[in-house]
C-alpha atoms as a PDB file:
ATOM      1  CA  UNK A   1      33.978 -97.825 -56.743  1.00  0.00           C
ATOM      2  CA  UNK A   2      34.996-101.156 -54.951  1.00  0.00           C
ATOM      3  CA  UNK A   3      32.103-103.113 -53.733  1.00  0.00           C
ATOM      4  CA  UNK A   4      30.996-103.933 -49.614  1.00  0.00           C
ATOM      5  CA  UNK A   5      31.169-107.461 -49.308  1.00  0.00           C
ATOM      6  CA  UNK A   6      27.542-108.328 -49.957  1.00  0.00           C
ATOM      7  CA  UNK A   7      27.909-107.602 -53.750  1.00  0.00           C
ATOM      8  CA  UNK A   8      30.831-109.577 -53.257  1.00  0.00           C
ATOM      9  CA  UNK A   9      28.691-112.436 -51.974  1.00  0.00           C
ATOM     10  CA  UNK A  10      26.270-112.081 -54.715  1.00  0.00           C
ATOM     11  CA  UNK A  11      29.275-111.511 -57.123  1.00  0.00           C
ATOM     12  CA  UNK A  12      30.740-115.001 -56.413  1.00  0.00           C
ATOM     13  CA  UNK A  13      28.388-117.226 -55.791  1.00  0.00           C
ATOM     14  CA  UNK A  14      25.588-115.902 -57.963  1.00  0.00           C
ATOM     15  CA  UNK A  15      25.929-117.184 -60.511  1.00  0.00           C
ATOM     16  CA  UNK A  16      22.857-119.934 -62.374  1.00  0.00           C
ATOM     17  CA  UNK A  17      19.247-119.860 -63.128  1.00  0.00           C
ATOM     18  CA  UNK A  18      17.198-116.861 -61.286  1.00  0.00           C
ATOM     19  CA  UNK A  19      20.625-116.152 -58.995  1.00  0.00           C
ATOM     20  CA  UNK A  20      22.279-114.790 -62.526  1.00  0.00           C
ATOM     21  CA  UNK A  21      19.207-113.708 -63.606  1.00  0.00           C
ATOM     22  CA  UNK A  22      19.543-111.316 -60.403  1.00  0.00           C
ATOM     23  CA  UNK A  23      23.749-110.431 -61.459  1.00  0.00           C
ATOM     24  CA  UNK A  24      22.538-109.817 -64.667  1.00  0.00           C
ATOM     25  CA  UNK A  25      19.317-106.932 -63.730  1.00  0.00           C
ATOM     26  CA  UNK A  26      21.987-105.647 -61.348  1.00  0.00           C
ATOM     27  CA  UNK A  27      24.424-105.053 -63.314  1.00  0.00           C
ATOM     28  CA  UNK A  28      21.984-103.661 -66.405  1.00  0.00           C
ATOM     29  CA  UNK A  29      20.014-100.825 -64.074  1.00  0.00           C
ATOM     30  CA  UNK A  30      23.826-100.066 -62.476  1.00  0.00           C
ATOM     31  CA  UNK A  31      24.504 -99.677 -66.331  1.00  0.00           C
ATOM     32  CA  UNK A  32      22.111 -97.816 -67.508  1.00  0.00           C
ATOM     33  CA  UNK A  33      22.255 -95.121 -65.166  1.00  0.00           C
ATOM     34  CA  UNK A  34      26.446 -94.589 -64.923  1.00  0.00           C
ATOM     35  CA  UNK A  35      25.539 -94.607 -68.600  1.00  0.00           C
ATOM     36  CA  UNK A  36      22.735 -91.325 -67.264  1.00  0.00           C
ATOM     37  CA  UNK A  37      19.649 -92.973 -67.613  1.00  0.00           C
ATOM     38  CA  UNK A  38      16.793 -92.291 -65.525  1.00  0.00           C
ATOM     39  CA  UNK A  39      15.009 -95.311 -64.052  1.00  0.00           C
ATOM     40  CA  UNK A  40      10.987 -96.266 -62.309  1.00  0.00           C
ATOM     41  CA  UNK A  41      10.264 -97.993 -59.436  1.00  0.00           C
ATOM     42  CA  UNK A  42       7.358 -99.642 -59.583  1.00  0.00           C
ATOM     43  CA  UNK A  43       5.838-101.393 -56.487  1.00  0.00           C
ATOM     44  CA  UNK A  44       3.278-103.888 -55.873  1.00  0.00           C
ATOM     45  CA  UNK A  45       2.274-106.729 -53.520  1.00  0.00           C
ATOM     46  CA  UNK A  46       2.521-105.816 -50.247  1.00  0.00           C
ATOM     47  CA  UNK A  47       6.653-104.212 -50.403  1.00  0.00           C
ATOM     48  CA  UNK A  48       5.912-101.452 -47.428  1.00  0.00           C
ATOM     49  CA  UNK A  49       4.121-104.139 -44.949  1.00  0.00           C
ATOM     50  CA  UNK A  50       7.331-106.012 -46.044  1.00  0.00           C
ATOM     51  CA  UNK A  51       9.056-103.291 -45.017  1.00  0.00           C
ATOM     52  CA  UNK A  52      10.948-102.670 -48.703  1.00  0.00           C
ATOM     53  CA  UNK A  53      11.741 -98.759 -47.698  1.00  0.00           C
ATOM     54  CA  UNK A  54      14.637-100.564 -45.092  1.00  0.00           C
ATOM     55  CA  UNK A  55      17.180-100.710 -48.781  1.00  0.00           C
ATOM     56  CA  UNK A  56      14.095 -98.386 -50.554  1.00  0.00           C
ATOM     57  CA  UNK A  57      14.407 -95.247 -48.702  1.00  0.00           C
ATOM     58  CA  UNK A  58      19.030 -94.949 -49.359  1.00  0.00           C
ATOM     59  CA  UNK A  59      18.342 -96.156 -53.116  1.00  0.00           C
ATOM     60  CA  UNK A  60      16.071 -92.764 -53.168  1.00  0.00           C
ATOM     61  CA  UNK A  61      18.401 -90.755 -50.910  1.00  0.00           C
ATOM     62  CA  UNK A  62      21.577 -91.427 -53.452  1.00  0.00           C
ATOM     63  CA  UNK A  63      19.353 -90.832 -56.360  1.00  0.00           C
ATOM     64  CA  UNK A  64      18.711 -94.058 -57.404  1.00  0.00           C
ATOM     65  CA  UNK A  65      15.506 -94.553 -59.077  1.00  0.00           C
ATOM     66  CA  UNK A  66      13.835 -91.312 -60.323  1.00  0.00           C
ATOM     67  CA  UNK A  67       9.889 -92.674 -60.221  1.00  0.00           C
ATOM     68  CA  UNK A  68       7.828 -94.490 -57.855  1.00  0.00           C
ATOM     69  CA  UNK A  69       4.887 -96.284 -59.624  1.00  0.00           C
ATOM     70  CA  UNK A  70       3.044 -97.778 -55.985  1.00  0.00           C
ATOM     71  CA  UNK A  71      -0.517 -99.033 -54.751  1.00  0.00           C
ATOM     72  CA  UNK A  72      -2.047 -96.692 -52.539  1.00  0.00           C
ATOM     73  CA  UNK A  73      -1.024 -99.895 -50.339  1.00  0.00           C
ATOM     74  CA  UNK A  74       2.546 -99.391 -50.198  1.00  0.00           C
ATOM     75  CA  UNK A  75       1.503 -95.469 -50.909  1.00  0.00           C
ATOM     76  CA  UNK A  76      -0.545 -95.899 -46.980  1.00  0.00           C
ATOM     77  CA  UNK A  77       1.374 -99.015 -45.350  1.00  0.00           C
ATOM     78  CA  UNK A  78       5.055 -97.593 -45.286  1.00  0.00           C
ATOM     79  CA  UNK A  79       4.086 -94.706 -42.924  1.00  0.00           C
ATOM     80  CA  UNK A  80       1.541 -97.375 -40.755  1.00  0.00           C
ATOM     81  CA  UNK A  81       4.660 -99.195 -40.212  1.00  0.00           C
ATOM     82  CA  UNK A  82       6.594 -96.095 -39.730  1.00  0.00           C
ATOM     83  CA  UNK A  83       3.505 -94.807 -36.867  1.00  0.00           C
ATOM     84  CA  UNK A  84       2.714 -98.197 -35.924  1.00  0.00           C
ATOM     85  CA  UNK A  85       5.566-100.760 -36.196  1.00  0.00           C
ATOM     86  CA  UNK A  86       5.439-101.433 -32.008  1.00  0.00           C
ATOM     87  CA  UNK A  87       1.734-102.932 -32.029  1.00  0.00           C
ATOM     88  CA  UNK A  88       1.681-105.148 -35.546  1.00  0.00           C
ATOM     89  CA  UNK A  89       1.586-108.789 -35.196  1.00  0.00           C
ATOM     90  CA  UNK A  90       3.528-111.528 -37.130  1.00  0.00           C
ATOM     91  CA  UNK A  91       1.943-115.110 -36.876  1.00  0.00           C
ATOM     92  CA  UNK A  92       4.878-116.992 -38.839  1.00  0.00           C
ATOM     93  CA  UNK A  93       2.150-119.879 -38.472  1.00  0.00           C
ATOM     94  CA  UNK A  94      -0.798-117.460 -40.876  1.00  0.00           C
ATOM     95  CA  UNK A  95      -1.019-121.220 -42.687  1.00  0.00           C
ATOM     96  CA  UNK A  96      -2.598-123.292 -40.134  1.00  0.00           C
ATOM     97  CA  UNK A  97      -5.249-120.278 -39.015  1.00  0.00           C
ATOM     98  CA  UNK A  98      -8.332-121.282 -38.721  1.00  0.00           C
ATOM     99  CA  UNK A  99     -11.472-119.268 -40.513  1.00  0.00           C
ATOM    100  CA  UNK A 100     -12.777-119.041 -36.535  1.00  0.00           C
ATOM    101  CA  UNK A 101      -9.094-117.015 -35.717  1.00  0.00           C
ATOM    102  CA  UNK A 102      -8.972-115.156 -39.005  1.00  0.00           C
ATOM    103  CA  UNK A 103     -12.125-113.603 -37.746  1.00  0.00           C
ATOM    104  CA  UNK A 104     -11.042-113.154 -34.197  1.00  0.00           C
ATOM    105  CA  UNK A 105      -8.101-111.584 -35.782  1.00  0.00           C
ATOM    106  CA  UNK A 106     -10.450-109.157 -37.702  1.00  0.00           C
ATOM    107  CA  UNK A 107     -12.872-108.701 -33.682  1.00  0.00           C
ATOM    108  CA  UNK A 108      -8.902-107.325 -32.357  1.00  0.00           C
ATOM    109  CA  UNK A 109      -8.829-105.201 -35.257  1.00  0.00           C
ATOM    110  CA  UNK A 110      -6.009-106.434 -37.091  1.00  0.00           C
ATOM    111  CA  UNK A 111      -6.041-106.956 -40.472  1.00  0.00           C
ATOM    112  CA  UNK A 112      -3.606-109.998 -41.667  1.00  0.00           C
ATOM    113  CA  UNK A 113      -0.899-110.018 -44.349  1.00  0.00           C
ATOM    114  CA  UNK A 114       0.660-113.612 -45.003  1.00  0.00           C
ATOM    115  CA  UNK A 115       2.668-113.983 -41.871  1.00  0.00           C
ATOM    116  CA  UNK A 116       2.140-109.949 -40.358  1.00  0.00           C
ATOM    117  CA  UNK A 117      -1.412-108.296 -39.634  1.00  0.00           C
ATOM    118  CA  UNK A 118      -1.471-104.461 -39.490  1.00  0.00           C
ATOM    119  CA  UNK A 119      -2.953-102.752 -36.322  1.00  0.00           C
ATOM    120  CA  UNK A 120      -6.111-100.971 -37.383  1.00  0.00           C
ATOM    121  CA  UNK A 121      -6.633 -98.685 -34.501  1.00  0.00           C
ATOM    122  CA  UNK A 122      -3.284 -96.928 -33.900  1.00  0.00           C
ATOM    123  CA  UNK A 123      -2.304 -97.736 -37.725  1.00  0.00           C
ATOM    124  CA  UNK A 124      -4.725 -96.655 -39.562  1.00  0.00           C
ATOM    125  CA  UNK A 125      -6.446 -93.775 -37.468  1.00  0.00           C
ATOM    126  CA  UNK A 126      -3.133 -92.176 -36.712  1.00  0.00           C
ATOM    127  CA  UNK A 127      -2.877 -91.603 -40.430  1.00  0.00           C
ATOM    128  CA  UNK A 128      -6.738 -90.012 -40.965  1.00  0.00           C
ATOM    129  CA  UNK A 129      -7.025 -88.048 -38.560  1.00  0.00           C
ATOM    130  CA  UNK A 130      -3.783 -85.526 -39.839  1.00  0.00           C
ATOM    131  CA  UNK A 131      -4.929 -86.644 -43.253  1.00  0.00           C
ATOM    132  CA  UNK A 132      -8.612 -85.761 -42.810  1.00  0.00           C
ATOM    133  CA  UNK A 133      -7.267 -82.808 -41.756  1.00  0.00           C
ATOM    134  CA  UNK A 134      -5.044 -81.758 -45.515  1.00  0.00           C
ATOM    135  CA  UNK A 135      -8.182 -82.488 -47.249  1.00  0.00           C
ATOM    136  CA  UNK A 136     -10.142 -79.863 -45.112  1.00  0.00           C
ATOM    137  CA  UNK A 137      -7.929 -77.594 -45.482  1.00  0.00           C
ATOM    138  CA  UNK A 138      -7.164 -77.668 -49.186  1.00  0.00           C
ATOM    139  CA  UNK A 139     -10.745 -77.524 -49.858  1.00  0.00           C
ATOM    140  CA  UNK A 140     -10.978 -74.593 -48.011  1.00  0.00           C
ATOM    141  CA  UNK A 141      -8.618 -72.942 -49.887  1.00  0.00           C
ATOM    142  CA  UNK A 142      -9.624 -74.169 -53.233  1.00  0.00           C
ATOM    143  CA  UNK A 143      -6.493 -76.068 -53.833  1.00  0.00           C
ATOM    144  CA  UNK A 144      -6.417 -79.930 -55.294  1.00  0.00           C
ATOM    145  CA  UNK A 145      -3.030 -82.095 -55.234  1.00  0.00           C
ATOM    146  CA  UNK A 146      -2.778 -85.705 -55.799  1.00  0.00           C
ATOM    147  CA  UNK A 147      -2.812 -88.355 -53.954  1.00  0.00           C
ATOM    148  CA  UNK A 148       0.312 -88.735 -52.664  1.00  0.00           C
ATOM    149  CA  UNK A 149       0.967 -84.729 -51.996  1.00  0.00           C
ATOM    150  CA  UNK A 150      -1.311 -84.438 -49.497  1.00  0.00           C
ATOM    151  CA  UNK A 151       0.718 -87.660 -47.762  1.00  0.00           C
ATOM    152  CA  UNK A 152       3.721 -85.942 -48.357  1.00  0.00           C
ATOM    153  CA  UNK A 153       2.323 -82.575 -46.422  1.00  0.00           C
ATOM    154  CA  UNK A 154       1.765 -84.948 -43.576  1.00  0.00           C
ATOM    155  CA  UNK A 155       4.845 -86.017 -43.026  1.00  0.00           C
ATOM    156  CA  UNK A 156       7.208 -83.227 -44.107  1.00  0.00           C
ATOM    157  CA  UNK A 157       4.495 -81.171 -41.436  1.00  0.00           C
ATOM    158  CA  UNK A 158       5.988 -83.112 -39.165  1.00  0.00           C
ATOM    159  CA  UNK A 159       2.271 -83.835 -37.248  1.00  0.00           C
ATOM    160  CA  UNK A 160       3.383 -87.783 -37.066  1.00  0.00           C
ATOM    161  CA  UNK A 161       7.152 -87.387 -35.312  1.00  0.00           C
ATOM    162  CA  UNK A 162       5.185 -88.017 -32.347  1.00  0.00           C
ATOM    163  CA  UNK A 163       4.539 -91.886 -33.626  1.00  0.00           C
ATOM    164  CA  UNK A 164       7.382 -92.394 -34.951  1.00  0.00           C
ATOM    165  CA  UNK A 165       7.921 -95.998 -33.966  1.00  0.00           C
ATOM    166  CA  UNK A 166      11.668 -96.671 -35.986  1.00  0.00           C
ATOM    167  CA  UNK A 167      13.891 -94.782 -37.013  1.00  0.00           C
ATOM    168  CA  UNK A 168      12.575 -92.645 -39.778  1.00  0.00           C
ATOM    169  CA  UNK A 169      15.869 -93.536 -42.424  1.00  0.00           C
ATOM    170  CA  UNK A 170      14.170 -96.960 -43.039  1.00  0.00           C
ATOM    171  CA  UNK A 171      11.122 -95.471 -44.559  1.00  0.00           C
ATOM    172  CA  UNK A 172      10.794 -94.725 -48.368  1.00  0.00           C
ATOM    173  CA  UNK A 173       7.645 -92.264 -48.169  1.00  0.00           C
ATOM    174  CA  UNK A 174       9.847 -90.247 -45.698  1.00  0.00           C
ATOM    175  CA  UNK A 175      12.734 -90.218 -47.808  1.00  0.00           C
ATOM    176  CA  UNK A 176      10.465 -89.046 -51.609  1.00  0.00           C
ATOM    177  CA  UNK A 177       8.716 -86.891 -48.688  1.00  0.00           C
ATOM    178  CA  UNK A 178      11.828 -85.073 -48.205  1.00  0.00           C
ATOM    179  CA  UNK A 179      12.626 -85.146 -52.338  1.00  0.00           C
ATOM    180  CA  UNK A 180       9.642 -84.626 -53.519  1.00  0.00           C
ATOM    181  CA  UNK A 181      10.196 -88.046 -55.450  1.00  0.00           C
ATOM    182  CA  UNK A 182       7.617 -87.612 -58.459  1.00  0.00           C
ATOM    183  CA  UNK A 183       5.213 -90.169 -57.555  1.00  0.00           C
ATOM    184  CA  UNK A 184       2.875 -92.137 -59.539  1.00  0.00           C
ATOM    185  CA  UNK A 185      -0.552 -94.125 -57.556  1.00  0.00           C
ATOM    186  CA  UNK A 186      -2.854 -95.371 -59.692  1.00  0.00           C
ATOM    187  CA  UNK A 187      -6.457 -96.701 -57.925  1.00  0.00           C
ATOM    188  CA  UNK A 188      -5.637 -95.304 -55.113  1.00  0.00           C
ATOM    189  CA  UNK A 189      -9.184 -95.384 -53.840  1.00  0.00           C
ATOM    190  CA  UNK A 190      -8.939 -99.047 -53.200  1.00  0.00           C
ATOM    191  CA  UNK A 191      -6.501 -98.482 -50.653  1.00  0.00           C
ATOM    192  CA  UNK A 192      -7.629 -98.097 -46.857  1.00  0.00           C
ATOM    193  CA  UNK A 193      -6.772 -94.173 -47.194  1.00  0.00           C
ATOM    194  CA  UNK A 194      -8.483 -93.830 -50.523  1.00  0.00           C
ATOM    195  CA  UNK A 195     -12.325 -95.662 -48.775  1.00  0.00           C
ATOM    196  CA  UNK A 196     -12.118 -92.961 -46.004  1.00  0.00           C
ATOM    197  CA  UNK A 197     -11.548 -90.518 -47.791  1.00  0.00           C
ATOM    198  CA  UNK A 198     -14.906 -92.160 -50.920  1.00  0.00           C
ATOM    199  CA  UNK A 199     -16.439 -92.829 -47.157  1.00  0.00           C
ATOM    200  CA  UNK A 200     -16.109 -88.645 -46.358  1.00  0.00           C
ATOM    201  CA  UNK A 201     -17.397 -87.924 -49.861  1.00  0.00           C
ATOM    202  CA  UNK A 202     -20.253 -89.669 -49.188  1.00  0.00           C
ATOM    203  CA  UNK A 203     -20.661 -88.480 -45.983  1.00  0.00           C
ATOM    204  CA  UNK A 204     -20.648 -84.414 -48.262  1.00  0.00           C
ATOM    205  CA  UNK A 205     -18.095 -84.268 -45.402  1.00  0.00           C
ATOM    206  CA  UNK A 206     -16.165 -82.774 -48.569  1.00  0.00           C
ATOM    207  CA  UNK A 207     -16.197 -82.899 -52.331  1.00  0.00           C
ATOM    208  CA  UNK A 208     -14.400 -86.381 -54.587  1.00  0.00           C
ATOM    209  CA  UNK A 209     -12.760 -83.695 -56.039  1.00  0.00           C
ATOM    210  CA  UNK A 210     -10.404 -82.348 -53.425  1.00  0.00           C
ATOM    211  CA  UNK A 211      -8.124 -85.300 -54.494  1.00  0.00           C
ATOM    212  CA  UNK A 212      -6.759 -85.515 -58.114  1.00  0.00           C
ATOM    213  CA  UNK A 213      -8.090 -89.214 -60.531  1.00  0.00           C
ATOM    214  CA  UNK A 214      -6.109 -91.669 -62.656  1.00  0.00           C
ATOM    215  CA  UNK A 215      -6.698 -89.419 -65.267  1.00  0.00           C
ATOM    216  CA  UNK A 216      -5.065 -86.359 -63.753  1.00  0.00           C
ATOM    217  CA  UNK A 217      -1.642 -89.402 -62.589  1.00  0.00           C
ATOM    218  CA  UNK A 218      -1.856 -90.023 -66.191  1.00  0.00           C
ATOM    219  CA  UNK A 219      -1.154 -86.468 -67.138  1.00  0.00           C
ATOM    220  CA  UNK A 220       1.665 -85.686 -64.306  1.00  0.00           C
ATOM    221  CA  UNK A 221       3.280 -88.855 -65.758  1.00  0.00           C
ATOM    222  CA  UNK A 222       3.233 -87.691 -69.219  1.00  0.00           C
ATOM    223  CA  UNK A 223       5.021 -84.618 -68.375  1.00  0.00           C
ATOM    224  CA  UNK A 224       7.321 -86.166 -66.710  1.00  0.00           C
ATOM    225  CA  UNK A 225       8.155 -88.669 -68.712  1.00  0.00           C
ATOM    226  CA  UNK A 226       8.285 -86.143 -71.852  1.00  0.00           C
ATOM    227  CA  UNK A 227      11.395 -83.778 -69.176  1.00  0.00           C
ATOM    228  CA  UNK A 228      12.578 -87.252 -68.623  1.00  0.00           C
ATOM    229  CA  UNK A 229      13.431 -89.400 -71.744  1.00  0.00           C
ATOM    230  CA  UNK A 230      15.963 -87.642 -73.709  1.00  0.00           C
ATOM    231  CA  UNK A 231      19.260 -89.470 -73.501  1.00  0.00           C
ATOM    232  CA  UNK A 232      19.930 -93.166 -72.240  1.00  0.00           C
ATOM    233  CA  UNK A 233      16.166 -92.550 -71.138  1.00  0.00           C
ATOM    234  CA  UNK A 234      13.756 -94.019 -68.532  1.00  0.00           C
ATOM    235  CA  UNK A 235      14.312 -97.388 -67.307  1.00  0.00           C
ATOM    236  CA  UNK A 236      11.122 -99.707 -66.169  1.00  0.00           C
ATOM    237  CA  UNK A 237      12.207-101.637 -63.062  1.00  0.00           C
ATOM    238  CA  UNK A 238       9.151-103.658 -62.207  1.00  0.00           C
ATOM    239  CA  UNK A 239       8.728-105.752 -58.293  1.00  0.00           C
ATOM    240  CA  UNK A 240       5.147-107.962 -58.428  1.00  0.00           C
ATOM    241  CA  UNK A 241       2.433-107.011 -60.564  1.00  0.00           C
ATOM    242  CA  UNK A 242      -0.761-105.207 -61.189  1.00  0.00           C
ATOM    243  CA  UNK A 243      -1.809-102.346 -61.217  1.00  0.00           C
ATOM    244  CA  UNK A 244       1.247-100.219 -60.949  1.00  0.00           C
ATOM    245  CA  UNK A 245       3.554-101.511 -63.148  1.00  0.00           C
ATOM    246  CA  UNK A 246       0.999-101.951 -66.204  1.00  0.00           C
ATOM    247  CA  UNK A 247      -0.509 -98.220 -65.705  1.00  0.00           C
ATOM    248  CA  UNK A 248       3.459 -96.690 -65.878  1.00  0.00           C
ATOM    249  CA  UNK A 249       4.342 -98.775 -68.740  1.00  0.00           C
ATOM    250  CA  UNK A 250       1.474 -97.232 -70.935  1.00  0.00           C
ATOM    251  CA  UNK A 251       2.276 -94.182 -70.454  1.00  0.00           C
ATOM    252  CA  UNK A 252       4.407 -94.677 -74.210  1.00  0.00           C
ATOM    253  CA  UNK A 253       2.060 -96.367 -76.629  1.00  0.00           C
ATOM    254  CA  UNK A 254      -0.882 -94.167 -75.380  1.00  0.00           C
ATOM    255  CA  UNK A 255       2.123 -90.927 -75.961  1.00  0.00           C
ATOM    256  CA  UNK A 256       2.573 -92.168 -79.708  1.00  0.00           C
ATOM    257  CA  UNK A 257      -0.573 -94.171 -80.091  1.00  0.00           C
ATOM    258  CA  UNK A 258      -3.206 -91.317 -79.053  1.00  0.00           C
ATOM    259  CA  UNK A 259      -1.439 -88.118 -79.377  1.00  0.00           C
ATOM    260  CA  UNK A 260      -0.316 -89.083 -81.590  1.00  0.00           C
ATOM    261  CA  UNK A 261       3.578 -87.930 -80.153  1.00  0.00           C
ATOM    262  CA  UNK A 262       5.892 -89.141 -83.055  1.00  0.00           C
ATOM    263  CA  UNK A 263       9.816 -89.510 -80.680  1.00  0.00           C
ATOM    264  CA  UNK A 264       8.533 -91.169 -77.593  1.00  0.00           C
ATOM    265  CA  UNK A 265      11.105 -93.151 -76.611  1.00  0.00           C
ATOM    266  CA  UNK A 266      10.080 -97.030 -75.987  1.00  0.00           C
ATOM    267  CA  UNK A 267      11.353 -97.519 -71.871  1.00  0.00           C
ATOM    268  CA  UNK A 268      14.769 -98.392 -72.580  1.00  0.00           C
ATOM    269  CA  UNK A 269      15.311-100.455 -69.041  1.00  0.00           C
ATOM    270  CA  UNK A 270      13.129-103.789 -68.130  1.00  0.00           C
ATOM    271  CA  UNK A 271      13.397-106.309 -65.044  1.00  0.00           C
ATOM    272  CA  UNK A 272       9.872-107.456 -63.483  1.00  0.00           C
ATOM    273  CA  UNK A 273      11.062-109.740 -60.433  1.00  0.00           C
ATOM    274  CA  UNK A 274       7.719-112.128 -60.238  1.00  0.00           C
ATOM    275  CA  UNK A 275       6.926-115.093 -57.917  1.00  0.00           C
ATOM    276  CA  UNK A 276       3.586-115.635 -61.592  1.00  0.00           C
ATOM    277  CA  UNK A 277       3.977-118.100 -62.960  1.00  0.00           C
ATOM    278  CA  UNK A 278       3.370-117.708 -67.210  1.00  0.00           C
ATOM    279  CA  UNK A 279      -0.039-118.163 -67.978  1.00  0.00           C
ATOM    280  CA  UNK A 280      -3.403-117.633 -69.633  1.00  0.00           C
ATOM    281  CA  UNK A 281      -4.086-114.395 -69.695  1.00  0.00           C
ATOM    282  CA  UNK A 282      -1.715-113.185 -67.082  1.00  0.00           C
ATOM    283  CA  UNK A 283      -0.249-110.021 -67.024  1.00  0.00           C
ATOM    284  CA  UNK A 284       1.968-110.736 -63.886  1.00  0.00           C
ATOM    285  CA  UNK A 285       3.353-113.723 -65.055  1.00  0.00           C
ATOM    286  CA  UNK A 286       4.520-112.619 -69.327  1.00  0.00           C
ATOM    287  CA  UNK A 287       7.279-112.584 -70.416  1.00  0.00           C
ATOM    288  CA  UNK A 288       8.858-109.035 -71.184  1.00  0.00           C
ATOM    289  CA  UNK A 289       8.673-109.837 -74.857  1.00  0.00           C
ATOM    290  CA  UNK A 290       5.426-109.945 -74.874  1.00  0.00           C
ATOM    291  CA  UNK A 291       5.334-105.914 -74.132  1.00  0.00           C
ATOM    292  CA  UNK A 292       7.300-105.231 -77.803  1.00  0.00           C
ATOM    293  CA  UNK A 293       3.508-106.082 -79.163  1.00  0.00           C
ATOM    294  CA  UNK A 294       1.982-103.449 -77.487  1.00  0.00           C
ATOM    295  CA  UNK A 295       4.233-100.529 -77.509  1.00  0.00           C
ATOM    296  CA  UNK A 296       6.419-100.382 -74.733  1.00  0.00           C
ATOM    297  CA  UNK A 297       9.540-101.826 -75.074  1.00  0.00           C
ATOM    298  CA  UNK A 298      11.979-102.404 -78.339  1.00  0.00           C
ATOM    299  CA  UNK A 299      13.936-105.136 -79.769  1.00  0.00           C
ATOM    300  CA  UNK A 300      17.250-104.929 -77.891  1.00  0.00           C
ATOM    301  CA  UNK A 301      15.771-102.913 -74.947  1.00  0.00           C
ATOM    302  CA  UNK A 302      17.764-104.788 -71.985  1.00  0.00           C
ATOM    303  CA  UNK A 303      14.913-106.850 -70.516  1.00  0.00           C
ATOM    304  CA  UNK A 304      14.938-109.206 -67.403  1.00  0.00           C
ATOM    305  CA  UNK A 305      12.619-111.634 -65.812  1.00  0.00           C
ATOM    306  CA  UNK A 306      13.402-112.639 -61.919  1.00  0.00           C
ATOM    307  CA  UNK A 307      11.068-114.917 -61.288  1.00  0.00           C
ATOM    308  CA  UNK A 308      11.166-115.585 -57.631  1.00  0.00           C
ATOM    309  CA  UNK A 309      10.415-113.700 -54.325  1.00  0.00           C
ATOM    310  CA  UNK A 310      10.438-110.340 -54.716  1.00  0.00           C
ATOM    311  CA  UNK A 311      10.842-109.495 -50.914  1.00  0.00           C
ATOM    312  CA  UNK A 312      14.183-111.848 -50.563  1.00  0.00           C
ATOM    313  CA  UNK A 313      15.292-110.531 -54.575  1.00  0.00           C
ATOM    314  CA  UNK A 314      14.719-106.796 -54.541  1.00  0.00           C
ATOM    315  CA  UNK A 315      17.220-105.255 -51.086  1.00  0.00           C
ATOM    316  CA  UNK A 316      20.163-107.731 -52.582  1.00  0.00           C
ATOM    317  CA  UNK A 317      20.049-105.307 -56.514  1.00  0.00           C
ATOM    318  CA  UNK A 318      19.551-102.133 -54.184  1.00  0.00           C
ATOM    319  CA  UNK A 319      22.171-103.690 -52.294  1.00  0.00           C
ATOM    320  CA  UNK A 320      24.223-104.126 -54.594  1.00  0.00           C
ATOM    321  CA  UNK A 321      23.606-101.153 -56.510  1.00  0.00           C
ATOM    322  CA  UNK A 322      23.924 -99.333 -53.632  1.00  0.00           C
ATOM    323  CA  UNK A 323      27.638-100.966 -53.538  1.00  0.00           C
ATOM    324  CA  UNK A 324      27.537-102.961 -50.249  1.00  0.00           C
END
């Protein structure tokens, strides 16, 4: 397939340093898929609020990613942007805000993520009502689901369409729900919707067991990896660090060390985009070779590290893979 103008620009101009690492990583990702491999993308940071869905949704539709691991915040914030986009407030001079001005944002029900403020009432509460309905409906039937499965139910039901404020083709959750794309969402409990669920449990409105746990996510991922790691294997494309990266990558050493299964393949491609520096004890800034010592990557696993802003780098890599 001939490449489009964005890809041509990248190949012509990105020749050295982090720019060259971007090209190498994109070509490695493309090669991995062409040889029959599958890919996990992990989303840390505030990628959904950064509207990564504009490029990630198309990656999902074109089968360029087979499973996603994300934080609870990234799971919910893509939908929040979908239903309340016009109510978001951008503050380009956020570095100049005083503590008093930050408090004014809180009092006005705005939660700030760098230069972008999420509107609490419009974003959280529009989603809350329908999620609570899904939780109660499942509990009444004695059913239990993973956090992303409940969100898929809400999105696929169409009840949120009345609130849509962006083109749904730019929502990665809408694209994922349509395909029933496997998702792993470790630590969902610390997200806003996780907090809302916990509050319902504390009030006695719901049972904690209605939403499946992180241990059940690890079991879900183990079963998925077991079924999909033959042949070329599964690659790992990590955006930022934290639990969304560390949780899924650990499934490999868990399978052969703790389950004592033989012939468990290592992750067969690895790329990390992070602006975290390599420092004492840092996971996000650790170089890929460190993961060899933990039984996650092998000596000859293609490894790439791009030390830059993921909101700039990821859409460029996705555009290259999509041939734009």
